[in-house]
Amino acid sequence: VAQTLTHGKKIAPDAVELILVQAAYYATVGKLEDGLKLLEGATKQSPKALGLWLARVNGLARLGRIDDALVVLY
C-alpha cells in the first residue's frame, strides 16, 4: 500500500481521493496525527472538498479531540 501511495503522489499529488486514502492508511498503521496534518494542509489547499473536511473532523473525533473537531466544523 505504501508503495502504491508513493507512486500515486508522483502522478497526482493533489488528488483529493489520494489524500483521503493516504490519511486512512496513516490511521490504519497508527499514525493518525500524520494523517491529520496531511488533511489539514489539504483542506487549506482545497477548501471546497467536503470529503477532506469530514475526514479531518472524523480523525479528530477518533483521537477524542471533540473540541478541535467542533472548531473545524464551525
PDB file of N, CA and C in Angstrom:
ATOM      1  N   VAL A   1       0.832  -1.181   0.000  1.00  0.00           N
ATOM      2  CA  VAL A   1       0.000   0.000   0.000  1.00  0.00           C
ATOM      3  C   VAL A   1       0.883   1.253   0.000  1.00  0.00           C
ATOM      4  N   ALA A   2       1.919   1.242   0.825  1.00  0.00           N
ATOM      5  CA  ALA A   2       2.793   2.414   0.898  1.00  0.00           C
ATOM      6  C   ALA A   2       3.431   2.707  -0.456  1.00  0.00           C
ATOM      7  N   GLN A   3       3.837   1.664  -1.174  1.00  0.00           N
ATOM      8  CA  GLN A   3       4.434   1.863  -2.497  1.00  0.00           C
ATOM      9  C   GLN A   3       3.433   2.471  -3.466  1.00  0.00           C
ATOM     10  N   THR A   4       2.220   1.989  -3.434  1.00  0.00           N
ATOM     11  CA  THR A   4       1.183   2.498  -4.318  1.00  0.00           C
ATOM     12  C   THR A   4       0.888   3.959  -4.018  1.00  0.00           C
ATOM     13  N   LEU A   5       0.843   4.316  -2.752  1.00  0.00           N
ATOM     14  CA  LEU A   5       0.606   5.712  -2.379  1.00  0.00           C
ATOM     15  C   LEU A   5       1.750   6.602  -2.841  1.00  0.00           C
ATOM     16  N   THR A   6       2.967   6.127  -2.696  1.00  0.00           N
ATOM     17  CA  THR A   6       4.124   6.889  -3.156  1.00  0.00           C
ATOM     18  C   THR A   6       4.052   7.110  -4.660  1.00  0.00           C
ATOM     19  N   HIS A   7       3.686   6.071  -5.382  1.00  0.00           N
ATOM     20  CA  HIS A   7       3.543   6.182  -6.837  1.00  0.00           C
ATOM     21  C   HIS A   7       2.423   7.162  -7.190  1.00  0.00           C
ATOM     22  N   GLY A   8       1.309   7.073  -6.480  1.00  0.00           N
ATOM     23  CA  GLY A   8       0.187   7.973  -6.730  1.00  0.00           C
ATOM     24  C   GLY A   8       0.542   9.422  -6.482  1.00  0.00           C
ATOM     25  N   LYS A   9       1.355   9.696  -5.467  1.00  0.00           N
ATOM     26  CA  LYS A   9       1.761  11.070  -5.177  1.00  0.00           C
ATOM     27  C   LYS A   9       2.602  11.661  -6.303  1.00  0.00           C
ATOM     28  N   LYS A  10       3.325  10.807  -7.002  1.00  0.00           N
ATOM     29  CA  LYS A  10       4.117  11.282  -8.136  1.00  0.00           C
ATOM     30  C   LYS A  10       3.222  11.643  -9.310  1.00  0.00           C
ATOM     31  N   ILE A  11       2.148  10.904  -9.477  1.00  0.00           N
ATOM     32  CA  ILE A  11       1.245  11.103 -10.615  1.00  0.00           C
ATOM     33  C   ILE A  11       0.260  12.239 -10.361  1.00  0.00           C
ATOM     34  N   ALA A  12      -0.374  12.229  -9.205  1.00  0.00           N
ATOM     35  CA  ALA A  12      -1.415  13.230  -8.895  1.00  0.00           C
ATOM     36  C   ALA A  12      -1.300  13.645  -7.431  1.00  0.00           C
ATOM     37  N   PRO A  13      -0.296  14.436  -7.083  1.00  0.00           N
ATOM     38  CA  PRO A  13      -0.034  14.744  -5.674  1.00  0.00           C
ATOM     39  C   PRO A  13      -1.161  15.481  -4.952  1.00  0.00           C
ATOM     40  N   ASP A  14      -1.994  16.189  -5.673  1.00  0.00           N
ATOM     41  CA  ASP A  14      -3.057  16.969  -5.034  1.00  0.00           C
ATOM     42  C   ASP A  14      -4.441  16.352  -5.181  1.00  0.00           C
ATOM     43  N   ALA A  15      -4.503  15.119  -5.658  1.00  0.00           N
ATOM     44  CA  ALA A  15      -5.803  14.468  -5.850  1.00  0.00           C
ATOM     45  C   ALA A  15      -6.464  14.221  -4.494  1.00  0.00           C
ATOM     46  N   VAL A  16      -7.665  14.719  -4.345  1.00  0.00           N
ATOM     47  CA  VAL A  16      -8.394  14.596  -3.082  1.00  0.00           C
ATOM     48  C   VAL A  16      -8.547  13.133  -2.689  1.00  0.00           C
ATOM     49  N   GLU A  17      -8.899  12.294  -3.628  1.00  0.00           N
ATOM     50  CA  GLU A  17      -9.114  10.881  -3.338  1.00  0.00           C
ATOM     51  C   GLU A  17      -7.843  10.229  -2.821  1.00  0.00           C
ATOM     52  N   LEU A  18      -6.714  10.574  -3.407  1.00  0.00           N
ATOM     53  CA  LEU A  18      -5.438  10.020  -2.968  1.00  0.00           C
ATOM     54  C   LEU A  18      -5.118  10.469  -1.543  1.00  0.00           C
ATOM     55  N   ILE A  19      -5.374  11.708  -1.249  1.00  0.00           N
ATOM     56  CA  ILE A  19      -5.118  12.231   0.096  1.00  0.00           C
ATOM     57  C   ILE A  19      -6.003  11.519   1.117  1.00  0.00           C
ATOM     58  N   LEU A  20      -7.249  11.271   0.755  1.00  0.00           N
ATOM     59  CA  LEU A  20      -8.155  10.555   1.661  1.00  0.00           C
ATOM     60  C   LEU A  20      -7.663   9.137   1.924  1.00  0.00           C
ATOM     61  N   VAL A  21      -7.203   8.463   0.887  1.00  0.00           N
ATOM     62  CA  VAL A  21      -6.684   7.097   1.056  1.00  0.00           C
ATOM     63  C   VAL A  21      -5.413   7.122   1.900  1.00  0.00           C
ATOM     64  N   GLN A  22      -4.557   8.089   1.641  1.00  0.00           N
ATOM     65  CA  GLN A  22      -3.319   8.196   2.402  1.00  0.00           C
ATOM     66  C   GLN A  22      -3.613   8.463   3.881  1.00  0.00           C
ATOM     67  N   ALA A  23      -4.549   9.338   4.170  1.00  0.00           N
ATOM     68  CA  ALA A  23      -4.913   9.630   5.559  1.00  0.00           C
ATOM     69  C   ALA A  23      -5.505   8.386   6.229  1.00  0.00           C
ATOM     70  N   ALA A  24      -6.320   7.642   5.502  1.00  0.00           N
ATOM     71  CA  ALA A  24      -6.885   6.400   6.039  1.00  0.00           C
ATOM     72  C   ALA A  24      -5.782   5.375   6.308  1.00  0.00           C
ATOM     73  N   TYR A  25      -4.810   5.326   5.425  1.00  0.00           N
ATOM     74  CA  TYR A  25      -3.673   4.420   5.619  1.00  0.00           C
ATOM     75  C   TYR A  25      -2.904   4.802   6.885  1.00  0.00           C
ATOM     76  N   TYR A  26      -2.642   6.088   7.063  1.00  0.00           N
ATOM     77  CA  TYR A  26      -1.955   6.529   8.274  1.00  0.00           C
ATOM     78  C   TYR A  26      -2.722   6.114   9.526  1.00  0.00           C
ATOM     79  N   ALA A  27      -4.031   6.269   9.494  1.00  0.00           N
ATOM     80  CA  ALA A  27      -4.847   5.879  10.642  1.00  0.00           C
ATOM     81  C   ALA A  27      -4.738   4.379  10.902  1.00  0.00           C
ATOM     82  N   THR A  28      -4.700   3.605   9.843  1.00  0.00           N
ATOM     83  CA  THR A  28      -4.626   2.147   9.963  1.00  0.00           C
ATOM     84  C   THR A  28      -3.311   1.688  10.589  1.00  0.00           C
ATOM     85  N   VAL A  29      -2.233   2.390  10.274  1.00  0.00           N
ATOM     86  CA  VAL A  29      -0.919   1.986  10.794  1.00  0.00           C
ATOM     87  C   VAL A  29      -0.539   2.731  12.076  1.00  0.00           C
ATOM     88  N   GLY A  30      -1.511   3.401  12.687  1.00  0.00           N
ATOM     89  CA  GLY A  30      -1.266   4.049  13.968  1.00  0.00           C
ATOM     90  C   GLY A  30      -0.613   5.417  13.887  1.00  0.00           C
ATOM     91  N   LYS A  31      -0.719   6.058  12.735  1.00  0.00           N
ATOM     92  CA  LYS A  31      -0.134   7.391  12.559  1.00  0.00           C
ATOM     93  C   LYS A  31      -1.232   8.416  12.266  1.00  0.00           C
ATOM     94  N   LEU A  32      -2.244   8.406  13.098  1.00  0.00           N
ATOM     95  CA  LEU A  32      -3.396   9.274  12.882  1.00  0.00           C
ATOM     96  C   LEU A  32      -3.008  10.751  12.891  1.00  0.00           C
ATOM     97  N   GLU A  33      -2.063  11.122  13.730  1.00  0.00           N
ATOM     98  CA  GLU A  33      -1.612  12.522  13.763  1.00  0.00           C
ATOM     99  C   GLU A  33      -1.011  12.937  12.419  1.00  0.00           C
ATOM    100  N   ASP A  34      -0.233  12.047  11.790  1.00  0.00           N
ATOM    101  CA  ASP A  34       0.327  12.347  10.465  1.00  0.00           C
ATOM    102  C   ASP A  34      -0.780  12.529   9.442  1.00  0.00           C
ATOM    103  N   GLY A  35      -1.803  11.685   9.543  1.00  0.00           N
ATOM    104  CA  GLY A  35      -2.944  11.806   8.645  1.00  0.00           C
ATOM    105  C   GLY A  35      -3.675  13.122   8.838  1.00  0.00           C
ATOM    106  N   LEU A  36      -3.796  13.539  10.091  1.00  0.00           N
ATOM    107  CA  LEU A  36      -4.461  14.816  10.374  1.00  0.00           C
ATOM    108  C   LEU A  36      -3.674  15.992   9.818  1.00  0.00           C
ATOM    109  N   LYS A  37      -2.357  15.937   9.925  1.00  0.00           N
ATOM    110  CA  LYS A  37      -1.531  17.005   9.356  1.00  0.00           C
ATOM    111  C   LYS A  37      -1.709  17.071   7.843  1.00  0.00           C
ATOM    112  N   LEU A  38      -1.757  15.903   7.220  1.00  0.00           N
ATOM    113  CA  LEU A  38      -1.979  15.835   5.778  1.00  0.00           C
ATOM    114  C   LEU A  38      -3.335  16.436   5.419  1.00  0.00           C
ATOM    115  N   LEU A  39      -4.361  16.068   6.170  1.00  0.00           N
ATOM    116  CA  LEU A  39      -5.705  16.570   5.901  1.00  0.00           C
ATOM    117  C   LEU A  39      -5.812  18.066   6.164  1.00  0.00           C
ATOM    118  N   GLU A  40      -5.124  18.549   7.185  1.00  0.00           N
ATOM    119  CA  GLU A  40      -5.159  19.985   7.473  1.00  0.00           C
ATOM    120  C   GLU A  40      -4.587  20.779   6.298  1.00  0.00           C
ATOM    121  N   GLY A  41      -3.457  20.335   5.784  1.00  0.00           N
ATOM    122  CA  GLY A  41      -2.864  21.006   4.630  1.00  0.00           C
ATOM    123  C   GLY A  41      -3.742  20.908   3.403  1.00  0.00           C
ATOM    124  N   ALA A  42      -4.357  19.749   3.228  1.00  0.00           N
ATOM    125  CA  ALA A  42      -5.207  19.532   2.057  1.00  0.00           C
ATOM    126  C   ALA A  42      -6.466  20.388   2.109  1.00  0.00           C
ATOM    127  N   THR A  43      -7.034  20.574   3.307  1.00  0.00           N
ATOM    128  CA  THR A  43      -8.233  21.413   3.403  1.00  0.00           C
ATOM    129  C   THR A  43      -7.907  22.877   3.116  1.00  0.00           C
ATOM    130  N   LYS A  44      -6.690  23.275   3.436  1.00  0.00           N
ATOM    131  CA  LYS A  44      -6.286  24.648   3.106  1.00  0.00           C
ATOM    132  C   LYS A  44      -6.105  24.800   1.599  1.00  0.00           C
ATOM    133  N   GLN A  45      -5.589  23.755   0.967  1.00  0.00           N
ATOM    134  CA  GLN A  45      -5.349  23.802  -0.472  1.00  0.00           C
ATOM    135  C   GLN A  45      -6.633  23.619  -1.278  1.00  0.00           C
ATOM    136  N   SER A  46      -7.535  22.799  -0.769  1.00  0.00           N
ATOM    137  CA  SER A  46      -8.797  22.514  -1.473  1.00  0.00           C
ATOM    138  C   SER A  46      -9.962  22.728  -0.508  1.00  0.00           C
ATOM    139  N   PRO A  47     -10.264  23.979  -0.172  1.00  0.00           N
ATOM    140  CA  PRO A  47     -11.262  24.240   0.865  1.00  0.00           C
ATOM    141  C   PRO A  47     -12.696  23.832   0.516  1.00  0.00           C
ATOM    142  N   LYS A  48     -12.963  23.546  -0.728  1.00  0.00           N
ATOM    143  CA  LYS A  48     -14.321  23.146  -1.115  1.00  0.00           C
ATOM    144  C   LYS A  48     -14.496  21.635  -1.176  1.00  0.00           C
ATOM    145  N   ALA A  49     -13.454  20.879  -0.848  1.00  0.00           N
ATOM    146  CA  ALA A  49     -13.517  19.415  -0.901  1.00  0.00           C
ATOM    147  C   ALA A  49     -14.094  18.890   0.419  1.00  0.00           C
ATOM    148  N   LEU A  50     -15.381  18.627   0.411  1.00  0.00           N
ATOM    149  CA  LEU A  50     -16.098  18.224   1.618  1.00  0.00           C
ATOM    150  C   LEU A  50     -15.512  16.968   2.254  1.00  0.00           C
ATOM    151  N   GLY A  51     -15.100  16.009   1.442  1.00  0.00           N
ATOM    152  CA  GLY A  51     -14.550  14.761   1.966  1.00  0.00           C
ATOM    153  C   GLY A  51     -13.327  14.973   2.838  1.00  0.00           C
ATOM    154  N   LEU A  52     -12.508  15.939   2.480  1.00  0.00           N
ATOM    155  CA  LEU A  52     -11.320  16.241   3.281  1.00  0.00           C
ATOM    156  C   LEU A  52     -11.713  16.777   4.655  1.00  0.00           C
ATOM    157  N   TRP A  53     -12.692  17.667   4.671  1.00  0.00           N
ATOM    158  CA  TRP A  53     -13.152  18.229   5.946  1.00  0.00           C
ATOM    159  C   TRP A  53     -13.755  17.154   6.834  1.00  0.00           C
ATOM    160  N   LEU A  54     -14.565  16.300   6.243  1.00  0.00           N
ATOM    161  CA  LEU A  54     -15.201  15.234   7.032  1.00  0.00           C
ATOM    162  C   LEU A  54     -14.170  14.262   7.585  1.00  0.00           C
ATOM    163  N   ALA A  55     -13.175  13.915   6.773  1.00  0.00           N
ATOM    164  CA  ALA A  55     -12.117  13.014   7.235  1.00  0.00           C
ATOM    165  C   ALA A  55     -11.334  13.656   8.376  1.00  0.00           C
ATOM    166  N   ARG A  56     -11.076  14.939   8.252  1.00  0.00           N
ATOM    167  CA  ARG A  56     -10.336  15.665   9.294  1.00  0.00           C
ATOM    168  C   ARG A  56     -11.113  15.680  10.605  1.00  0.00           C
ATOM    169  N   VAL A  57     -12.397  15.986  10.535  1.00  0.00           N
ATOM    170  CA  VAL A  57     -13.238  16.015  11.735  1.00  0.00           C
ATOM    171  C   VAL A  57     -13.322  14.614  12.340  1.00  0.00           C
ATOM    172  N   ASN A  58     -13.476  13.614  11.504  1.00  0.00           N
ATOM    173  CA  ASN A  58     -13.557  12.237  11.985  1.00  0.00           C
ATOM    174  C   ASN A  58     -12.260  11.826  12.685  1.00  0.00           C
ATOM    175  N   GLY A  59     -11.134  12.187  12.120  1.00  0.00           N
ATOM    176  CA  GLY A  59      -9.853  11.864  12.740  1.00  0.00           C
ATOM    177  C   GLY A  59      -9.694  12.517  14.102  1.00  0.00           C
ATOM    178  N   LEU A  60     -10.081  13.770  14.190  1.00  0.00           N
ATOM    179  CA  LEU A  60     -10.018  14.467  15.474  1.00  0.00           C
ATOM    180  C   LEU A  60     -10.931  13.803  16.502  1.00  0.00           C
ATOM    181  N   ALA A  61     -12.111  13.422  16.071  1.00  0.00           N
ATOM    182  CA  ALA A  61     -13.056  12.756  16.970  1.00  0.00           C
ATOM    183  C   ALA A  61     -12.501  11.408  17.430  1.00  0.00           C
ATOM    184  N   ARG A  62     -11.858  10.685  16.527  1.00  0.00           N
ATOM    185  CA  ARG A  62     -11.266   9.384  16.891  1.00  0.00           C
ATOM    186  C   ARG A  62     -10.198   9.541  17.954  1.00  0.00           C
ATOM    187  N   LEU A  63      -9.523  10.665  17.966  1.00  0.00           N
ATOM    188  CA  LEU A  63      -8.497  10.930  18.974  1.00  0.00           C
ATOM    189  C   LEU A  63      -9.086  11.516  20.252  1.00  0.00           C
ATOM    190  N   GLY A  64     -10.397  11.699  20.268  1.00  0.00           N
ATOM    191  CA  GLY A  64     -11.046  12.273  21.444  1.00  0.00           C
ATOM    192  C   GLY A  64     -10.925  13.784  21.522  1.00  0.00           C
ATOM    193  N   ARG A  65     -10.525  14.398  20.431  1.00  0.00           N
ATOM    194  CA  ARG A  65     -10.346  15.850  20.388  1.00  0.00           C
ATOM    195  C   ARG A  65     -11.624  16.498  19.845  1.00  0.00           C
ATOM    196  N   ILE A  66     -12.694  16.316  20.584  1.00  0.00           N
ATOM    197  CA  ILE A  66     -14.020  16.774  20.154  1.00  0.00           C
ATOM    198  C   ILE A  66     -14.065  18.296  20.006  1.00  0.00           C
ATOM    199  N   ASP A  67     -13.457  19.016  20.930  1.00  0.00           N
ATOM    200  CA  ASP A  67     -13.461  20.478  20.845  1.00  0.00           C
ATOM    201  C   ASP A  67     -12.775  20.943  19.545  1.00  0.00           C
ATOM    202  N   ASP A  68     -11.647  20.314  19.216  1.00  0.00           N
ATOM    203  CA  ASP A  68     -10.950  20.660  17.975  1.00  0.00           C
ATOM    204  C   ASP A  68     -11.812  20.320  16.752  1.00  0.00           C
ATOM    205  N   ALA A  69     -12.500  19.186  16.824  1.00  0.00           N
ATOM    206  CA  ALA A  69     -13.373  18.792  15.713  1.00  0.00           C
ATOM    207  C   ALA A  69     -14.491  19.810  15.522  1.00  0.00           C
ATOM    208  N   LEU A  70     -15.057  20.295  16.608  1.00  0.00           N
ATOM    209  CA  LEU A  70     -16.123  21.290  16.523  1.00  0.00           C
ATOM    210  C   LEU A  70     -15.610  22.601  15.949  1.00  0.00           C
ATOM    211  N   VAL A  71     -14.382  22.973  16.301  1.00  0.00           N
ATOM    212  CA  VAL A  71     -13.798  24.191  15.764  1.00  0.00           C
ATOM    213  C   VAL A  71     -13.626  24.060  14.244  1.00  0.00           C
ATOM    214  N   VAL A  72     -13.187  22.902  13.791  1.00  0.00           N
ATOM    215  CA  VAL A  72     -13.024  22.670  12.346  1.00  0.00           C
ATOM    216  C   VAL A  72     -14.382  22.746  11.652  1.00  0.00           C
ATOM    217  N   LEU A  73     -15.404  22.220  12.272  1.00  0.00           N
ATOM    218  CA  LEU A  73     -16.744  22.270  11.684  1.00  0.00           C
ATOM    219  C   LEU A  73     -17.293  23.680  11.641  1.00  0.00           C
ATOM    220  N   TYR A  74     -16.962  24.474  12.629  1.00  0.00           N
ATOM    221  CA  TYR A  74     -17.515  25.809  12.720  1.00  0.00           C
ATOM    222  C   TYR A  74     -16.788  26.726  11.768  1.00  0.00           C
TER     223      TYR A  74
END
